[in-house]
């Protein structure tokens, strides 16, 4: 395997390629970032499990995108868990960490009394029927790309695989695990580990072949349900033997290997894929980061009329707003907000 300046393996995404089957991938561990996201909200256990899975998928996919700004997931359902939203912000400069954030919206009585999930209920079932949405936003000067696939397959990982098969025609497999670990002498902390495998396509698209490259999209038929699977895509190219072998090897990973801090990511890849000739690239560090600010909240409130601002004003004469991602709290004087306050000296509304 190639040498590089390895990070600790925690809060790290490591890109790699398997030379023999011509597959690319990512392996990641997210600990402090995930713990910060979940501990500040203290969600019910099944909601935390869903958010942890979504964060790991976002890290694995976001780092694979040739990204200038932001990759996002929005998972919407009609069940007790209504929304999971995640963002991955690309590093502003080479060598800097990427930033991640996430939050969930759910019925407030979930986990209490009659609204508690029944024994044996999988967290995914709490989403009900809905959609798995992907957004690639390259900045204000470009139109965002958006893709949607139904909630299907019983896990968020299966939804992501369906998205890549259906929208990108790229065979993709995910394996993600998360748990609240307790180590001797330390407070309990959330940890997650994940693996992503993708076939290497032949022509350009939105997902990177390697760090800095482009990946392909192609034309492919769908089955009777209208949804393709990763195995369908692999079979179309006549490369299912290599694909199936790599997937079998990936499934041999143990929970403690993927999540635990004791096996370096490079060592894990070699343990799983040493016969496939793994090659690793520069690792990407991640950290918690939110882009909210008082100025952005004020700009958002500038679209409301004076009457609407009055309706938002609390009994003590303030307009308040809370960031759903980081729980930051903002307070404003009503007279400083809304369309009237946003007018300049000429009486023209600011753009």
Protein backbone atom coordinates (compact mmCIF):
# COMPACT_ATOMS: atom_id res chain seq x y z
CA UNK A 1 0.00 0.00 0.00
CA UNK A 2 1.19 3.54 -0.66
CA UNK A 3 2.42 5.58 2.25
CA UNK A 4 0.90 8.89 3.34
CA UNK A 5 0.72 11.05 6.43
CA UNK A 6 -1.92 9.08 8.31
CA UNK A 7 -4.29 10.71 10.74
CA UNK A 8 -5.41 8.95 13.91
CA UNK A 9 -8.21 7.14 12.11
CA UNK A 10 -10.92 8.97 14.06
CA UNK A 11 -12.91 11.73 12.35
CA UNK A 12 -11.13 10.64 9.17
CA UNK A 13 -12.19 9.57 5.67
CA UNK A 14 -9.62 7.53 3.73
CA UNK A 15 -10.05 7.19 -0.07
CA UNK A 16 -8.71 4.01 -1.66
CA UNK A 17 -8.69 2.00 -4.85
CA UNK A 18 -8.63 -1.77 -5.36
CA UNK A 19 -6.39 -2.29 -8.37
CA UNK A 20 -7.30 -5.89 -9.20
CA UNK A 21 -11.10 -5.47 -9.55
CA UNK A 22 -10.81 -1.79 -10.56
CA UNK A 23 -13.00 -0.55 -7.70
CA UNK A 24 -12.72 2.65 -5.72
CA UNK A 25 -13.91 3.26 -2.21
CA UNK A 26 -13.88 5.15 1.06
CA UNK A 27 -13.40 3.93 4.61
CA UNK A 28 -14.24 6.30 7.46
CA UNK A 29 -14.49 6.63 11.21
CA UNK A 30 -16.49 9.49 12.69
CA UNK A 31 -16.38 9.91 16.48
CA UNK A 32 -16.08 13.40 18.02
CA UNK A 33 -18.06 14.96 15.19
CA UNK A 34 -20.90 12.44 15.53
CA UNK A 35 -20.85 12.69 19.32
CA UNK A 36 -21.15 16.49 19.11
CA UNK A 37 -24.11 16.21 16.73
CA UNK A 38 -26.03 13.66 18.81
CA UNK A 39 -25.20 14.76 22.35
CA UNK A 40 -26.34 18.35 21.82
CA UNK A 41 -29.80 17.11 20.79
CA UNK A 42 -30.19 13.95 22.92
CA UNK A 43 -32.53 12.28 20.47
CA UNK A 44 -34.41 9.07 21.30
CA UNK A 45 -32.26 6.01 20.57
CA UNK A 46 -33.84 5.07 17.20
CA UNK A 47 -33.57 8.67 15.98
CA UNK A 48 -29.90 8.79 17.01
CA UNK A 49 -29.32 5.56 15.10
CA UNK A 50 -30.84 7.01 11.93
CA UNK A 51 -28.88 10.26 12.23
CA UNK A 52 -25.64 8.32 12.81
CA UNK A 53 -26.23 6.27 9.65
CA UNK A 54 -27.04 9.41 7.66
CA UNK A 55 -23.90 11.19 8.91
CA UNK A 56 -21.70 8.26 7.89
CA UNK A 57 -23.28 8.02 4.42
CA UNK A 58 -22.85 11.78 3.99
CA UNK A 59 -19.18 11.57 4.92
CA UNK A 60 -18.50 8.68 2.54
CA UNK A 61 -20.40 10.17 -0.41
CA UNK A 62 -19.48 13.80 0.21
CA UNK A 63 -15.76 13.09 0.16
CA UNK A 64 -16.17 11.18 -3.12
CA UNK A 65 -17.82 14.13 -4.88
CA UNK A 66 -15.64 16.59 -6.77
CA UNK A 67 -17.00 19.25 -4.48
CA UNK A 68 -16.46 23.00 -4.25
CA UNK A 69 -18.95 23.64 -1.48
CA UNK A 70 -21.66 21.38 -0.04
CA UNK A 71 -23.13 17.88 -0.29
CA UNK A 72 -26.45 17.27 1.51
CA UNK A 73 -28.88 14.49 2.29
CA UNK A 74 -32.54 15.14 3.08
CA UNK A 75 -34.51 12.09 4.13
CA UNK A 76 -38.24 12.78 4.43
CA UNK A 77 -40.92 10.36 5.61
CA UNK A 78 -44.53 10.31 6.74
CA UNK A 79 -43.79 8.30 9.89
CA UNK A 80 -42.85 9.40 13.42
CA UNK A 81 -39.42 10.48 12.10
CA UNK A 82 -40.26 13.14 9.54
CA UNK A 83 -36.88 14.49 8.48
CA UNK A 84 -33.17 13.83 8.71
CA UNK A 85 -30.92 16.50 7.18
CA UNK A 86 -27.14 16.38 6.85
CA UNK A 87 -24.51 18.63 5.27
CA UNK A 88 -20.89 17.98 4.29
CA UNK A 89 -18.90 21.15 3.55
CA UNK A 90 -15.77 20.66 1.46
CA UNK A 91 -12.50 22.01 2.89
CA UNK A 92 -12.00 25.65 2.01
CA UNK A 93 -8.29 25.00 1.39
CA UNK A 94 -6.16 21.90 0.88
CA UNK A 95 -5.17 20.32 4.15
CA UNK A 96 -8.09 21.77 6.11
CA UNK A 97 -10.83 19.57 7.62
CA UNK A 98 -14.22 19.17 6.01
CA UNK A 99 -17.15 20.23 8.19
CA UNK A 100 -20.31 18.28 8.94
CA UNK A 101 -23.63 18.92 10.65
CA UNK A 102 -26.98 17.13 10.97
CA UNK A 103 -30.35 17.23 12.68
CA UNK A 104 -33.64 15.32 12.82
CA UNK A 105 -37.31 16.32 13.11
CA UNK A 106 -39.68 13.81 14.68
CA UNK A 107 -42.88 13.50 16.66
CA UNK A 108 -42.14 14.87 20.17
CA UNK A 109 -43.87 11.90 21.81
CA UNK A 110 -41.66 9.35 20.06
CA UNK A 111 -40.23 7.04 22.70
CA UNK A 112 -42.83 8.02 25.29
CA UNK A 113 -45.82 5.96 26.37
CA UNK A 114 -48.10 4.88 23.53
CA UNK A 115 -45.83 6.55 20.97
CA UNK A 116 -42.82 4.40 21.87
CA UNK A 117 -41.48 2.21 19.10
CA UNK A 118 -42.67 -1.34 19.64
CA UNK A 119 -40.02 -3.98 20.47
CA UNK A 120 -38.29 -5.22 17.34
CA UNK A 121 -39.11 -2.09 15.32
CA UNK A 122 -36.16 -1.13 13.14
CA UNK A 123 -35.29 2.59 13.19
CA UNK A 124 -35.76 2.75 9.39
CA UNK A 125 -39.41 1.72 9.80
CA UNK A 126 -40.05 4.94 11.77
CA UNK A 127 -39.57 6.94 8.57
CA UNK A 128 -42.59 5.36 6.89
CA UNK A 129 -43.04 6.18 3.19
CA UNK A 130 -40.95 8.96 1.75
CA UNK A 131 -37.90 9.99 -0.24
CA UNK A 132 -34.12 9.92 -0.01
CA UNK A 133 -32.86 13.20 -1.49
CA UNK A 134 -29.34 14.14 -2.59
CA UNK A 135 -28.13 17.69 -3.29
CA UNK A 136 -24.73 18.67 -4.69
CA UNK A 137 -24.29 22.43 -4.34
CA UNK A 138 -21.16 23.85 -5.97
CA UNK A 139 -21.77 27.41 -4.78
CA UNK A 140 -23.88 30.48 -5.54
CA UNK A 141 -22.67 30.75 -9.13
CA UNK A 142 -23.90 27.26 -10.11
CA UNK A 143 -27.26 25.53 -10.13
CA UNK A 144 -27.43 22.72 -7.52
CA UNK A 145 -27.84 19.14 -8.71
CA UNK A 146 -30.66 17.27 -6.97
CA UNK A 147 -31.59 13.60 -7.10
CA UNK A 148 -34.37 11.69 -5.34
CA UNK A 149 -35.12 8.01 -4.81
CA UNK A 150 -37.84 6.36 -2.70
CA UNK A 151 -37.19 5.14 0.82
CA UNK A 152 -36.64 1.48 0.08
CA UNK A 153 -34.58 -1.55 1.03
CA UNK A 154 -34.95 -1.39 4.80
CA UNK A 155 -31.90 0.81 5.53
CA UNK A 156 -30.55 4.23 4.60
CA UNK A 157 -27.53 2.47 3.08
CA UNK A 158 -29.86 0.55 0.75
CA UNK A 159 -31.50 3.84 -0.26
CA UNK A 160 -28.09 5.32 -1.11
CA UNK A 161 -27.21 2.24 -3.16
CA UNK A 162 -30.50 2.56 -5.05
CA UNK A 163 -29.80 6.24 -5.72
CA UNK A 164 -26.42 5.46 -7.31
CA UNK A 165 -27.82 2.55 -9.32
CA UNK A 166 -30.89 4.47 -10.49
CA UNK A 167 -29.57 8.00 -10.99
CA UNK A 168 -25.87 7.50 -11.70
CA UNK A 169 -25.79 3.91 -13.00
CA UNK A 170 -22.81 3.19 -10.74
CA UNK A 171 -22.70 -0.04 -8.73
CA UNK A 172 -22.19 1.07 -5.13
CA UNK A 173 -22.22 -0.78 -1.81
CA UNK A 174 -22.20 0.69 1.72
CA UNK A 175 -21.54 -0.93 5.07
CA UNK A 176 -22.07 1.42 8.03
CA UNK A 177 -22.20 0.80 11.78
CA UNK A 178 -22.63 3.11 14.77
CA UNK A 179 -22.72 2.63 18.53
CA UNK A 180 -22.34 4.52 21.77
CA UNK A 181 -19.08 3.08 23.04
CA UNK A 182 -17.86 3.02 26.62
CA UNK A 183 -14.12 2.77 27.16
CA UNK A 184 -12.53 2.36 30.61
CA UNK A 185 -11.94 5.71 32.26
CA UNK A 186 -13.80 7.67 29.59
CA UNK A 187 -17.32 8.98 29.19
CA UNK A 188 -19.59 7.14 26.76
CA UNK A 189 -19.15 8.47 23.23
CA UNK A 190 -20.80 7.93 19.88
CA UNK A 191 -18.61 6.28 17.24
CA UNK A 192 -19.38 5.21 13.68
CA UNK A 193 -17.47 3.40 10.96
CA UNK A 194 -18.28 2.89 7.31
CA UNK A 195 -17.08 1.39 4.05
CA UNK A 196 -18.08 2.34 0.51
CA UNK A 197 -17.24 0.39 -2.66
CA UNK A 198 -17.94 1.60 -6.20
CA UNK A 199 -17.19 0.27 -9.63
CA UNK A 200 -14.92 2.53 -11.65
CA UNK A 201 -16.94 3.82 -14.62
CA UNK A 202 -15.45 4.79 -17.95
CA UNK A 203 -16.67 8.34 -18.70
CA UNK A 204 -17.46 11.61 -16.93
CA UNK A 205 -20.14 12.46 -14.36
CA UNK A 206 -20.60 13.92 -10.91
CA UNK A 207 -18.74 11.47 -8.66
CA UNK A 208 -14.95 11.34 -8.55
CA UNK A 209 -13.15 8.31 -10.02
CA UNK A 210 -10.25 9.20 -7.79
CA UNK A 211 -9.61 12.31 -5.72
CA UNK A 212 -9.87 15.12 -8.26
CA UNK A 213 -11.41 13.02 -11.07
CA UNK A 214 -14.84 12.71 -12.61
CA UNK A 215 -17.16 9.74 -12.70
CA UNK A 216 -19.63 8.56 -15.23
CA UNK A 217 -23.23 8.34 -15.86
CA UNK A 218 -24.66 6.03 -18.47
CA UNK A 219 -27.85 4.73 -19.96
CA UNK A 220 -29.34 1.59 -18.46
CA UNK A 221 -32.67 -0.19 -18.46
CA UNK A 222 -34.65 -0.57 -15.27
CA UNK A 223 -36.49 -3.58 -13.92
CA UNK A 224 -40.29 -3.89 -13.65
CA UNK A 225 -40.31 -1.93 -10.37
CA UNK A 226 -38.52 0.98 -12.02
CA UNK A 227 -35.63 0.74 -9.54
CA UNK A 228 -32.24 -0.73 -10.30
CA UNK A 229 -29.89 -2.34 -7.78
CA UNK A 230 -26.11 -2.22 -7.52
CA UNK A 231 -25.95 -5.86 -8.60
CA UNK A 232 -28.05 -5.05 -11.70
CA UNK A 233 -25.56 -2.36 -12.71
CA UNK A 234 -22.56 -4.62 -12.07
CA UNK A 235 -24.09 -7.37 -14.21
CA UNK A 236 -24.73 -4.95 -17.09
CA UNK A 237 -21.00 -4.36 -17.50
CA UNK A 238 -20.08 -8.02 -17.23
CA UNK A 239 -18.01 -7.30 -14.14
CA UNK A 240 -20.12 -9.09 -11.55
CA UNK A 241 -17.42 -11.63 -10.62
CA UNK A 242 -15.00 -8.96 -9.36
CA UNK A 243 -17.91 -7.03 -7.82
CA UNK A 244 -19.26 -10.05 -5.94
CA UNK A 245 -15.82 -11.06 -4.68
CA UNK A 246 -15.10 -7.60 -3.29
CA UNK A 247 -18.52 -7.47 -1.64
CA UNK A 248 -17.95 -10.83 0.03
CA UNK A 249 -14.67 -9.56 1.42
CA UNK A 250 -16.28 -6.35 2.65
CA UNK A 251 -18.93 -8.32 4.54
CA UNK A 252 -16.25 -10.06 6.61
CA UNK A 253 -15.52 -6.85 8.51
CA UNK A 254 -16.16 -7.12 12.25
CA UNK A 255 -17.97 -4.42 14.21
CA UNK A 256 -14.99 -3.74 16.47
CA UNK A 257 -12.71 -3.44 13.42
CA UNK A 258 -14.89 -0.88 11.71
CA UNK A 259 -15.88 1.24 14.70
CA UNK A 260 -13.10 0.66 17.20
CA UNK A 261 -9.98 2.84 17.41
CA UNK A 262 -7.47 0.02 17.74
CA UNK A 263 -7.08 -0.94 14.06
CA UNK A 264 -5.78 1.76 11.73
CA UNK A 265 -7.87 2.36 8.62
CA UNK A 266 -4.98 1.30 6.36
CA UNK A 267 -4.59 -1.93 8.34
CA UNK A 268 -8.31 -2.60 8.08
CA UNK A 269 -8.19 -2.22 4.29
CA UNK A 270 -5.23 -4.58 4.06
CA UNK A 271 -6.96 -7.11 6.30
CA UNK A 272 -10.04 -7.08 4.09
CA UNK A 273 -8.62 -6.59 0.60
CA UNK A 274 -4.90 -7.50 0.57
CA UNK A 275 -5.38 -9.82 -2.45
CA UNK A 276 -7.19 -7.03 -4.36
CA UNK A 277 -4.08 -4.77 -4.27
CA UNK A 278 -5.38 -1.78 -2.26
CA UNK A 279 -3.95 1.67 -2.87
CA UNK A 280 -4.75 4.51 -0.48
CA UNK A 281 -4.81 8.25 -1.06
CA UNK A 282 -4.57 11.32 1.13
CA UNK A 283 -6.93 11.08 4.13
CA UNK A 284 -9.51 13.79 4.80
CA UNK A 285 -10.12 15.01 8.34
CA UNK A 286 -13.65 16.07 9.36
CA UNK A 287 -15.03 18.13 12.22
CA UNK A 288 -18.35 19.54 13.35
CA UNK A 289 -19.13 22.86 11.71
CA UNK A 290 -22.21 25.02 11.22
CA UNK A 291 -22.65 27.96 8.84
CA UNK A 292 -25.43 29.74 10.71
CA UNK A 293 -24.96 33.36 11.81
CA UNK A 294 -26.98 36.31 13.06
CA UNK A 295 -26.52 38.01 9.68
CA UNK A 296 -27.99 35.02 7.80
CA UNK A 297 -30.99 34.81 10.13
CA UNK A 298 -31.57 38.55 9.78
CA UNK A 299 -31.39 38.26 5.98
CA UNK A 300 -33.94 35.42 6.04
CA UNK A 301 -36.32 37.51 8.16
CA UNK A 302 -36.01 40.45 5.76
CA UNK A 303 -38.68 38.87 3.52
CA UNK A 304 -41.45 39.32 6.10
CA UNK A 305 -43.80 42.29 6.47
CA UNK A 306 -44.01 44.39 9.59
CA UNK A 307 -47.27 42.64 10.54
CA UNK A 308 -45.64 39.21 10.14
CA UNK A 309 -42.68 40.29 12.26
CA UNK A 310 -45.10 41.50 14.92
CA UNK A 311 -46.67 38.04 14.94
CA UNK A 312 -43.24 36.51 15.61
CA UNK A 313 -42.45 38.85 18.49
CA UNK A 314 -42.41 37.32 21.97
CA UNK A 315 -44.09 38.80 25.03
CA UNK A 316 -40.86 40.46 26.09
CA UNK A 317 -40.53 42.26 22.76
CA UNK A 318 -37.92 40.14 21.00
CA UNK A 319 -37.86 38.01 17.84
CA UNK A 320 -35.98 34.78 18.47
CA UNK A 321 -34.59 32.02 16.23
CA UNK A 322 -32.73 28.79 16.94
CA UNK A 323 -30.45 26.91 14.56
CA UNK A 324 -31.71 23.35 14.15
CA UNK A 325 -28.20 22.09 13.38
CA UNK A 326 -26.13 23.57 16.21
CA UNK A 327 -28.80 24.91 18.63
CA UNK A 328 -27.38 28.45 18.46
CA UNK A 329 -29.93 30.98 19.78
CA UNK A 330 -30.46 34.41 18.19
CA UNK A 331 -32.51 37.38 19.41
CA UNK A 332 -33.43 40.56 17.54
CA UNK A 333 -35.34 43.77 18.08
CA UNK A 334 -38.50 43.68 15.91
CA UNK A 335 -37.80 47.14 14.52
CA UNK A 336 -34.52 45.86 13.01
CA UNK A 337 -36.23 43.14 10.98
CA UNK A 338 -38.57 42.66 8.04
CA UNK A 339 -39.20 44.44 4.77
CA UNK A 340 -39.59 47.86 6.37
CA UNK A 341 -36.26 47.62 8.15
CA UNK A 342 -34.60 46.31 4.99
CA UNK A 343 -35.41 49.44 2.96
CA UNK A 344 -32.56 51.78 2.25
CA UNK A 345 -32.65 55.57 2.43
CA UNK A 346 -34.22 55.81 -1.04
CA UNK A 347 -37.10 53.57 0.05
CA UNK A 348 -36.05 50.76 -2.26
CA UNK A 349 -35.87 47.23 -0.79
CA UNK A 350 -32.39 45.82 -0.64
CA UNK A 351 -31.75 42.79 -2.87
